[in-house]
Protein backbone atom coordinates (compact mmCIF):
# COMPACT_ATOMS: atom_id res chain seq x y z
CA UNK A 1 -2.22 -86.12 -21.34
CA UNK A 2 -5.73 -86.56 -19.95
CA UNK A 3 -8.67 -85.80 -22.20
CA UNK A 4 -9.88 -83.08 -19.82
CA UNK A 5 -6.49 -81.33 -19.69
CA UNK A 6 -6.15 -81.49 -23.47
CA UNK A 7 -9.66 -80.06 -23.83
CA UNK A 8 -8.83 -77.15 -21.53
CA UNK A 9 -5.60 -76.42 -23.38
CA UNK A 10 -7.47 -76.29 -26.66
CA UNK A 11 -9.77 -73.68 -25.16
CA UNK A 12 -6.84 -71.67 -23.88
CA UNK A 13 -7.98 -72.11 -20.28
CA UNK A 14 -4.61 -73.21 -18.98
CA UNK A 15 -3.41 -69.60 -19.38
CA UNK A 16 -4.75 -68.12 -16.16
CA UNK A 17 -3.82 -64.72 -14.77
CA UNK A 18 -0.96 -66.19 -12.77
CA UNK A 19 0.54 -68.37 -15.49
CA UNK A 20 3.41 -67.61 -17.84
CA UNK A 21 0.85 -67.17 -20.61
CA UNK A 22 -1.29 -64.61 -18.79
CA UNK A 23 -2.86 -61.75 -20.69
CA UNK A 24 -0.64 -59.35 -18.77
CA UNK A 25 2.44 -61.13 -20.04
CA UNK A 26 1.04 -61.00 -23.56
CA UNK A 27 0.11 -57.31 -23.53
CA UNK A 28 2.22 -55.34 -21.07
CA UNK A 29 4.95 -57.32 -19.32
CA UNK A 30 7.75 -56.61 -21.78
CA UNK A 31 7.14 -52.84 -21.98
CA UNK A 32 6.72 -52.36 -18.24
CA UNK A 33 9.70 -54.57 -17.49
CA UNK A 34 11.82 -52.47 -19.83
CA UNK A 35 10.56 -49.27 -18.20
CA UNK A 36 11.27 -50.71 -14.74
CA UNK A 37 14.81 -51.68 -15.66
CA UNK A 38 15.50 -48.05 -16.52
CA UNK A 39 14.36 -46.71 -13.13
CA UNK A 40 15.01 -49.56 -10.71
CA UNK A 41 18.03 -47.74 -9.29
CA UNK A 42 15.86 -44.73 -8.39
CA UNK A 43 13.79 -44.18 -5.26
CA UNK A 44 9.98 -44.30 -5.58
CA UNK A 45 9.87 -40.54 -4.97
CA UNK A 46 12.28 -39.94 -7.85
CA UNK A 47 10.34 -42.23 -10.17
CA UNK A 48 7.14 -40.36 -9.29
CA UNK A 49 8.30 -37.42 -11.42
CA UNK A 50 9.64 -39.49 -14.34
CA UNK A 51 7.15 -38.79 -17.12
CA UNK A 52 8.79 -41.21 -19.55
CA UNK A 53 8.22 -44.05 -17.12
CA UNK A 54 4.60 -43.16 -16.42
CA UNK A 55 3.81 -42.71 -20.10
CA UNK A 56 4.25 -46.48 -20.44
CA UNK A 57 1.70 -47.04 -17.67
CA UNK A 58 -0.69 -44.48 -19.15
CA UNK A 59 -0.71 -46.25 -22.51
CA UNK A 60 -2.10 -49.37 -20.84
CA UNK A 61 -5.40 -47.56 -20.17
CA UNK A 62 -8.21 -46.86 -22.64
CA UNK A 63 -9.70 -43.77 -21.00
CA UNK A 64 -11.78 -41.39 -23.09
CA UNK A 65 -9.98 -38.40 -24.62
CA UNK A 66 -13.29 -36.52 -24.52
CA UNK A 67 -13.18 -35.86 -20.77
CA UNK A 68 -10.56 -35.51 -18.05
CA UNK A 69 -11.60 -37.92 -15.31
CA UNK A 70 -10.52 -36.64 -11.91
CA UNK A 71 -13.05 -38.67 -9.93
CA UNK A 72 -11.09 -41.86 -9.45
CA UNK A 73 -12.11 -41.84 -5.80
CA UNK A 74 -15.50 -43.20 -6.81
CA UNK A 75 -14.41 -45.89 -9.24
CA UNK A 76 -11.30 -46.19 -11.40
CA UNK A 77 -11.10 -47.45 -14.97
CA UNK A 78 -9.35 -50.76 -15.55
CA UNK A 79 -6.32 -51.07 -17.81
CA UNK A 80 -6.84 -52.79 -21.13
CA UNK A 81 -5.54 -56.13 -19.87
CA UNK A 82 -8.22 -56.31 -17.17
CA UNK A 83 -10.97 -55.38 -19.61
CA UNK A 84 -9.86 -58.04 -22.08
CA UNK A 85 -9.68 -60.67 -19.36
CA UNK A 86 -13.27 -59.96 -18.32
CA UNK A 87 -14.40 -60.03 -21.97
CA UNK A 88 -12.59 -63.31 -22.59
CA UNK A 89 -14.09 -64.97 -19.53
CA UNK A 90 -17.54 -63.56 -20.29
CA UNK A 91 -17.51 -64.95 -23.81
CA UNK A 92 -16.30 -68.28 -22.51
CA UNK A 93 -19.00 -68.38 -19.85
CA UNK A 94 -21.73 -67.84 -22.40
CA UNK A 95 -20.54 -70.77 -24.47
CA UNK A 96 -21.83 -73.05 -21.71
CA UNK A 97 -22.57 -71.21 -18.46
CA UNK A 98 -23.18 -74.02 -16.00
CA UNK A 99 -20.09 -75.90 -17.15
CA UNK A 100 -17.59 -73.12 -17.70
CA UNK A 101 -18.68 -71.17 -14.60
CA UNK A 102 -18.81 -73.93 -12.03
CA UNK A 103 -16.36 -76.45 -13.43
CA UNK A 104 -13.69 -74.10 -14.79
CA UNK A 105 -13.76 -70.47 -13.60
CA UNK A 106 -14.83 -71.37 -10.08
CA UNK A 107 -11.55 -73.27 -9.77
CA UNK A 108 -9.67 -70.00 -10.14
CA UNK A 109 -10.86 -68.56 -6.84
CA UNK A 110 -8.23 -70.21 -4.66
CA UNK A 111 -5.21 -69.02 -6.70
CA UNK A 112 -6.80 -65.57 -6.69
CA UNK A 113 -7.27 -65.70 -2.93
CA UNK A 114 -3.58 -66.53 -2.56
CA UNK A 115 -2.51 -63.57 -4.72
CA UNK A 116 -4.79 -61.15 -2.89
CA UNK A 117 -3.35 -62.40 0.39
CA UNK A 118 0.15 -61.86 -0.99
CA UNK A 119 -0.77 -58.31 -2.00
CA UNK A 120 -2.30 -57.68 1.43
CA UNK A 121 0.55 -59.34 3.31
CA UNK A 122 -1.74 -61.74 5.14
CA UNK A 123 -2.92 -65.35 5.40
CA UNK A 124 -5.08 -66.53 2.50
CA UNK A 125 -7.41 -68.11 5.06
CA UNK A 126 -8.37 -64.56 6.13
CA UNK A 127 -9.39 -63.28 2.68
CA UNK A 128 -12.93 -63.06 1.27
CA UNK A 129 -13.56 -62.19 -2.38
CA UNK A 130 -16.79 -60.25 -2.85
CA UNK A 131 -18.24 -57.19 -4.60
CA UNK A 132 -17.21 -54.07 -2.67
CA UNK A 133 -16.39 -52.49 0.68
CA UNK A 134 -20.07 -51.91 1.44
CA UNK A 135 -20.81 -55.63 1.24
CA UNK A 136 -17.77 -56.41 3.37
CA UNK A 137 -18.51 -53.91 6.10
CA UNK A 138 -22.20 -54.77 6.20
CA UNK A 139 -21.13 -58.37 6.73
CA UNK A 140 -19.11 -57.37 9.79
CA UNK A 141 -21.45 -54.72 11.15
CA UNK A 142 -24.56 -56.89 10.87
CA UNK A 143 -22.68 -60.07 11.79
CA UNK A 144 -21.24 -59.02 15.14
CA UNK A 145 -22.96 -60.21 18.30
CA UNK A 146 -23.90 -56.91 19.90
CA UNK A 147 -26.73 -56.33 22.33
CA UNK A 148 -28.81 -53.35 23.43
CA UNK A 149 -26.66 -50.78 25.17
CA UNK A 150 -23.39 -51.82 23.57
CA UNK A 151 -21.59 -48.80 22.13
CA UNK A 152 -19.85 -48.30 18.80
CA UNK A 153 -17.67 -45.27 18.06
CA UNK A 154 -17.41 -43.97 14.51
CA UNK A 155 -17.10 -40.65 12.72
CA UNK A 156 -19.60 -38.38 10.98
CA UNK A 157 -17.29 -38.40 7.94
CA UNK A 158 -17.24 -42.17 7.50
CA UNK A 159 -18.78 -43.54 4.30
CA UNK A 160 -22.61 -43.22 4.30
CA UNK A 161 -23.37 -46.89 3.56
CA UNK A 162 -21.29 -47.92 6.55
CA UNK A 163 -22.82 -45.34 8.86
CA UNK A 164 -26.26 -46.54 7.76
CA UNK A 165 -25.34 -50.11 8.66
CA UNK A 166 -24.52 -49.05 12.22
CA UNK A 167 -27.66 -46.91 12.37
CA UNK A 168 -29.73 -49.91 11.33
CA UNK A 169 -28.22 -51.94 14.15
CA UNK A 170 -29.08 -49.13 16.53
CA UNK A 171 -32.68 -49.13 15.31
CA UNK A 172 -33.00 -52.91 15.26
CA UNK A 173 -30.98 -53.99 18.28
CA UNK A 174 -30.70 -50.92 20.48
CA UNK A 175 -26.94 -50.49 20.28
CA UNK A 176 -25.59 -46.99 20.82
CA UNK A 177 -23.83 -45.50 17.78
CA UNK A 178 -21.64 -42.53 18.70
CA UNK A 179 -20.08 -40.39 15.97
CA UNK A 180 -17.13 -38.06 16.34
CA UNK A 181 -16.69 -34.87 14.35
CA UNK A 182 -13.39 -33.59 12.97
CA UNK A 183 -12.48 -30.45 11.09
CA UNK A 184 -10.10 -31.93 8.55
CA UNK A 185 -7.33 -31.53 7.67
CA UNK A 186 -5.80 -32.54 10.99
CA UNK A 187 -2.02 -32.90 11.00
CA UNK A 188 -1.71 -34.45 14.44
CA UNK A 189 -2.16 -38.19 14.99
CA UNK A 190 -2.43 -37.85 18.75
CA UNK A 191 -5.35 -35.45 18.43
CA UNK A 192 -7.27 -37.98 16.38
CA UNK A 193 -6.41 -40.92 18.64
CA UNK A 194 -7.35 -38.92 21.72
CA UNK A 195 -10.75 -38.05 20.26
CA UNK A 196 -11.56 -41.74 19.86
CA UNK A 197 -10.16 -42.64 23.28
CA UNK A 198 -12.09 -39.89 25.05
CA UNK A 199 -15.33 -41.27 23.63
CA UNK A 200 -14.79 -44.73 25.17
CA UNK A 201 -17.01 -45.80 28.06
CA UNK A 202 -17.34 -49.15 29.88
CA UNK A 203 -20.04 -50.06 27.34
CA UNK A 204 -17.90 -49.47 24.23
CA UNK A 205 -17.25 -52.60 22.17
CA UNK A 206 -16.21 -51.44 18.70
CA UNK A 207 -14.31 -48.60 17.04
CA UNK A 208 -15.03 -48.05 13.35
CA UNK A 209 -12.23 -46.19 11.58
CA UNK A 210 -11.86 -45.09 7.98
CA UNK A 211 -8.28 -45.41 6.73
CA UNK A 212 -8.67 -42.65 4.13
CA UNK A 213 -11.66 -40.33 4.51
CA UNK A 214 -13.46 -40.42 1.16
CA UNK A 215 -14.67 -36.81 1.32
CA UNK A 216 -11.30 -35.05 1.60
CA UNK A 217 -8.60 -37.75 1.59
CA UNK A 218 -7.43 -37.42 5.21
CA UNK A 219 -5.33 -40.44 6.22
CA UNK A 220 -6.15 -41.60 9.75
CA UNK A 221 -3.59 -43.29 12.03
CA UNK A 222 -5.27 -46.68 12.03
CA UNK A 223 -2.44 -48.53 13.77
CA UNK A 224 -2.32 -46.03 16.62
CA UNK A 225 -6.10 -46.14 16.99
CA UNK A 226 -6.06 -49.95 16.92
CA UNK A 227 -3.34 -50.19 19.56
CA UNK A 228 -5.23 -47.80 21.79
CA UNK A 229 -8.51 -49.67 21.26
CA UNK A 230 -6.96 -53.03 22.07
CA UNK A 231 -5.56 -51.65 25.32
CA UNK A 232 -9.18 -50.99 26.25
CA UNK A 233 -10.30 -54.46 25.16
CA UNK A 234 -12.11 -53.20 22.05
CA UNK A 235 -12.23 -54.44 18.46
CA UNK A 236 -11.52 -52.29 15.41
CA UNK A 237 -13.36 -52.32 12.09
CA UNK A 238 -11.41 -50.58 9.30
CA UNK A 239 -12.76 -49.21 6.03
CA UNK A 240 -9.87 -49.42 3.56
CA UNK A 241 -11.82 -48.64 0.40
CA UNK A 242 -9.56 -45.71 -0.50
CA UNK A 243 -6.26 -47.05 0.80
CA UNK A 244 -5.77 -50.60 -0.50
CA UNK A 245 -3.50 -50.81 -3.57
CA UNK A 246 -2.74 -47.10 -3.17
CA UNK A 247 -0.90 -46.72 0.13
CA UNK A 248 2.01 -49.09 0.66
CA UNK A 249 1.01 -51.18 3.68
CA UNK A 250 0.22 -54.72 4.77
CA UNK A 251 -3.21 -55.26 6.29
CA UNK A 252 -1.98 -56.89 9.54
CA UNK A 253 0.28 -53.88 10.11
CA UNK A 254 -2.84 -51.76 10.68
CA UNK A 255 -3.57 -53.74 13.83
CA UNK A 256 -7.31 -53.85 13.12
CA UNK A 257 -9.57 -56.90 13.48
CA UNK A 258 -11.67 -56.44 10.35
CA UNK A 259 -10.78 -54.74 7.07
CA UNK A 260 -12.76 -54.05 3.91
CA UNK A 261 -11.96 -52.59 0.52
CA UNK A 262 -13.26 -52.11 -3.00
CA UNK A 263 -10.87 -53.47 -5.61
CA UNK A 264 -12.37 -51.33 -8.39
CA UNK A 265 -10.82 -48.20 -6.95
CA UNK A 266 -7.03 -47.98 -6.82
CA UNK A 267 -6.31 -51.58 -7.81
CA UNK A 268 -8.20 -50.83 -11.07
CA UNK A 269 -9.84 -54.25 -10.90
CA UNK A 270 -13.17 -54.90 -12.67
CA UNK A 271 -16.05 -52.74 -11.52
CA UNK A 272 -17.99 -54.60 -8.86
CA UNK A 273 -15.11 -56.41 -7.15
CA UNK A 274 -14.14 -56.22 -3.50
CA UNK A 275 -12.32 -57.93 -0.68
CA UNK A 276 -12.77 -58.49 3.04
CA UNK A 277 -10.14 -59.49 5.60
CA UNK A 278 -11.05 -60.94 8.97
CA UNK A 279 -8.40 -61.81 11.51
CA UNK A 280 -8.37 -65.58 11.69
CA UNK A 281 -9.39 -65.91 15.33
CA UNK A 282 -12.38 -63.63 14.69
CA UNK A 283 -13.95 -65.58 11.80
CA UNK A 284 -16.15 -67.84 13.91
CA UNK A 285 -17.79 -64.95 15.77
CA UNK A 286 -19.12 -63.17 12.64
CA UNK A 287 -22.45 -64.30 11.23
CA UNK A 288 -22.40 -64.38 7.38
CA UNK A 289 -24.46 -61.69 5.70
CA UNK A 290 -25.89 -64.37 3.41
CA UNK A 291 -26.81 -67.58 5.20
CA UNK A 292 -24.35 -70.45 5.20
CA UNK A 293 -24.61 -74.06 6.35
CA UNK A 294 -21.94 -73.46 9.01
CA UNK A 295 -22.47 -69.86 10.12
CA UNK A 296 -20.31 -70.24 13.23
CA UNK A 297 -17.56 -72.04 11.38
CA UNK A 298 -13.93 -70.94 11.13
CA UNK A 299 -13.63 -71.30 7.34
CA UNK A 300 -13.40 -67.86 5.73
CA UNK A 301 -15.28 -69.20 2.69
CA UNK A 302 -18.52 -69.16 4.63
CA UNK A 303 -18.75 -65.49 3.63
CA UNK A 304 -18.70 -66.36 -0.09
CA UNK A 305 -22.04 -68.15 -0.20
CA UNK A 306 -23.28 -65.67 -2.78
CA UNK A 307 -24.99 -68.05 -5.19
CA UNK A 308 -24.44 -67.22 -8.84
CA UNK A 309 -21.96 -64.37 -9.20
CA UNK A 310 -19.97 -62.77 -11.99
CA UNK A 311 -17.11 -65.21 -12.50
CA UNK A 312 -15.60 -63.07 -15.30
CA UNK A 313 -15.35 -60.06 -12.97
CA UNK A 314 -13.87 -62.20 -10.22
CA UNK A 315 -11.22 -63.72 -12.45
CA UNK A 316 -10.40 -60.35 -14.00
CA UNK A 317 -9.05 -59.29 -10.60
CA UNK A 318 -6.02 -61.46 -11.23
CA UNK A 319 -4.81 -59.37 -14.15
CA UNK A 320 -5.27 -56.20 -12.08
CA UNK A 321 -2.98 -57.72 -9.46
CA UNK A 322 -0.39 -58.48 -12.15
CA UNK A 323 -0.53 -54.86 -13.28
CA UNK A 324 -0.23 -53.58 -9.70
CA UNK A 325 2.75 -55.76 -8.88
CA UNK A 326 4.53 -54.75 -12.07
CA UNK A 327 4.42 -51.10 -10.98
CA UNK A 328 5.02 -51.68 -7.28
CA UNK A 329 2.97 -50.44 -4.34
CA UNK A 330 5.31 -47.73 -3.11
CA UNK A 331 6.09 -46.45 -6.59
CA UNK A 332 2.38 -46.15 -7.28
CA UNK A 333 1.67 -44.40 -3.98
CA UNK A 334 4.35 -41.79 -4.60
CA UNK A 335 3.23 -41.15 -8.18
CA UNK A 336 -0.39 -40.52 -7.23
CA UNK A 337 0.66 -38.30 -4.32
CA UNK A 338 2.94 -36.42 -6.71
CA UNK A 339 0.00 -35.83 -9.07
CA UNK A 340 -2.19 -34.54 -6.25
CA UNK A 341 0.47 -32.17 -5.00
CA UNK A 342 1.30 -31.11 -8.57
CA UNK A 343 -2.05 -29.42 -9.06
CA UNK A 344 -2.78 -28.45 -5.45
CA UNK A 345 0.51 -26.58 -4.96
CA UNK A 346 -0.23 -24.54 -8.10
CA UNK A 347 -3.56 -23.22 -6.84
CA UNK A 348 -3.09 -23.08 -3.06
CA UNK A 349 -2.11 -19.39 -3.12
CA UNK A 350 -4.62 -18.29 -5.75
CA UNK A 351 -7.04 -15.68 -4.33
CA UNK A 352 -10.41 -17.17 -3.30
CA UNK A 353 -9.15 -20.75 -3.70
CA UNK A 354 -9.10 -22.98 -0.63
CA UNK A 355 -7.43 -26.40 -0.35
CA UNK A 356 -9.34 -28.63 2.09
CA UNK A 357 -6.73 -31.40 2.43
CA UNK A 358 -3.27 -31.59 3.99
CA UNK A 359 -0.46 -31.77 1.45
CA UNK A 360 1.84 -33.56 3.90
CA UNK A 361 2.56 -37.14 2.86
CA UNK A 362 1.55 -38.60 6.24
CA UNK A 363 -1.96 -37.22 5.94
CA UNK A 364 -2.97 -37.50 2.28
CA UNK A 365 -2.20 -39.20 -0.99
CA UNK A 366 -4.64 -39.12 -3.92
CA UNK A 367 -7.79 -37.31 -2.83
CA UNK A 368 -7.81 -33.55 -2.34
CA UNK A 369 -10.65 -31.10 -1.86
CA UNK A 370 -10.71 -27.63 -3.40
CA UNK A 371 -13.21 -24.78 -3.20
CA UNK A 372 -13.58 -21.27 -4.57
CA UNK A 373 -15.13 -18.58 -2.39
CA UNK A 374 -18.65 -17.69 -3.46
CA UNK A 375 -19.15 -20.73 -5.70
CA UNK A 376 -21.09 -23.69 -4.25
CA UNK A 377 -19.50 -27.12 -4.88
CA UNK A 378 -22.20 -28.31 -7.27
CA UNK A 379 -21.90 -25.12 -9.31
CA UNK A 380 -18.11 -25.44 -9.44
CA UNK A 381 -18.40 -29.05 -10.54
CA UNK A 382 -20.86 -28.04 -13.26
CA UNK A 383 -18.59 -25.24 -14.55
CA UNK A 384 -15.56 -27.53 -14.63
CA UNK A 385 -17.38 -30.05 -16.75
CA UNK A 386 -19.41 -27.80 -19.03
CA UNK A 387 -16.57 -25.41 -19.86
CA UNK A 388 -13.51 -27.64 -19.57
CA UNK A 389 -14.82 -31.23 -19.74
CA UNK A 390 -13.16 -31.98 -16.40
CA UNK A 391 -15.08 -34.52 -14.32
CA UNK A 392 -14.94 -34.11 -10.53
CA UNK A 393 -17.45 -34.69 -7.75
CA UNK A 394 -19.10 -32.03 -5.55
CA UNK A 395 -19.02 -32.56 -1.79
CA UNK A 396 -21.45 -30.65 0.41
CA UNK A 397 -21.79 -32.81 3.50
CA UNK A 398 -21.53 -32.10 7.23
CA UNK A 399 -18.64 -29.61 7.59
CA UNK A 400 -17.10 -30.36 4.18
CA UNK A 401 -17.83 -28.10 1.20
CA UNK A 402 -15.59 -28.58 -1.83
CA UNK A 403 -15.02 -30.33 -5.10
CA UNK A 404 -13.17 -33.63 -4.68
CA UNK A 405 -10.31 -34.20 -7.10
CA UNK A 406 -8.66 -37.61 -7.47
CA UNK A 407 -6.06 -38.41 -10.14
CA UNK A 408 -4.76 -41.92 -10.88
CA UNK A 409 -1.66 -43.39 -12.53
CA UNK A 410 -3.09 -42.83 -16.02
CA UNK A 411 -3.59 -39.09 -15.38
CA UNK A 412 -1.27 -36.91 -17.50
CA UNK A 413 0.36 -33.68 -16.42
CA UNK A 414 -1.17 -31.65 -19.31
CA UNK A 415 -4.58 -32.68 -17.98
CA UNK A 416 -3.69 -31.35 -14.54
CA UNK A 417 -2.30 -28.19 -16.15
CA UNK A 418 -5.70 -27.68 -17.75
CA UNK A 419 -7.39 -28.21 -14.39
CA UNK A 420 -5.09 -25.66 -12.74
CA UNK A 421 -5.83 -23.15 -15.51
CA UNK A 422 -9.55 -23.79 -15.08
CA UNK A 423 -9.44 -23.16 -11.31
CA UNK A 424 -7.48 -19.93 -11.82
CA UNK A 425 -9.86 -18.67 -14.52
CA UNK A 426 -12.98 -19.53 -12.54
CA UNK A 427 -11.58 -17.91 -9.38
CA UNK A 428 -10.64 -14.76 -11.30
CA UNK A 429 -14.05 -14.52 -12.94
CA UNK A 430 -15.90 -15.33 -9.75
CA UNK A 431 -18.10 -17.87 -11.53
């Protein structure tokens, strides 16, 4: 055995996230495997309502018992295994940063890229590991060769950071940024596709589409929009911040040209981790957001010239992937949808209560908006927290006025029962 390999084994560094000795295998594999064996004969929809199964998953999280967190649409907590991986790598890094970061942890990026590609159903040479969807989409938006007069079609309910990126290009370069308006929920794919198609002119170059609208959880028909756009010779930029590792899909199946996501949402990866996908034949045309020695090159790694980054956070993503794969994409999607419908169906007919999201599976999954007549969103959010210690987020933007509620796999039914009771009591009292 070489001296270097023996040295690494002594430090425990041979036990990466994708080895037999991973932290996931140490902490959770046996329990989740046992739980899986009990339900493997059941459909994902059936498993979604199996509380014994999900209690095993819930125990893997360390969420505070002091509050009920129903704002997983912003950022989700990581399971214990991901937290411990980040802590382990952080401690290791500080034992000798320049050595352990660059010589050891940096070598873990390629195996991680392969696993992310496997999860996304794509080529590893199309995957960029970065910090969040904002960084990814700014890379694409600011890296495209667009000139004055070129048109981009988006939506007024896209994510603000991404709208601002397009607005900056309009200010700086004179492109035309057109934004559609929808009154969600919309339970008609053709209506949405037609709205985008009707906005196309001979000067249109790009369609920007959000897979899951962050304000109210509407799922947009990305594949249908992409197919339509390509018939017109356009490219499609997709914001998948609220869909990746929640909805069961493969990135190429969306038909888009560029895709971005934040891994610290439904993958429950370390906070501050993200991923970008660029179709391989499009890589050379995008300028890196941070300068690279070969900015017109075809190597996807040109977008990772970030300088010093958090290697512990990056490597912690691997254990989040292990956790995700142990549950299964479709099983997870159906469970989170079940949780959303569980509470929404119990308040939808309560006087004064309005549900702002479709409950049909084709149009929503985790996120759902709720309002109570006469109570502004910020006031409702304040009451929910101060009286019931339920954390949500108020939305009062454009034509959306509600409190956004987003459960995750660790959410327990008694917590949603308390939320339902709170909504009923607040609606009855009128404040």
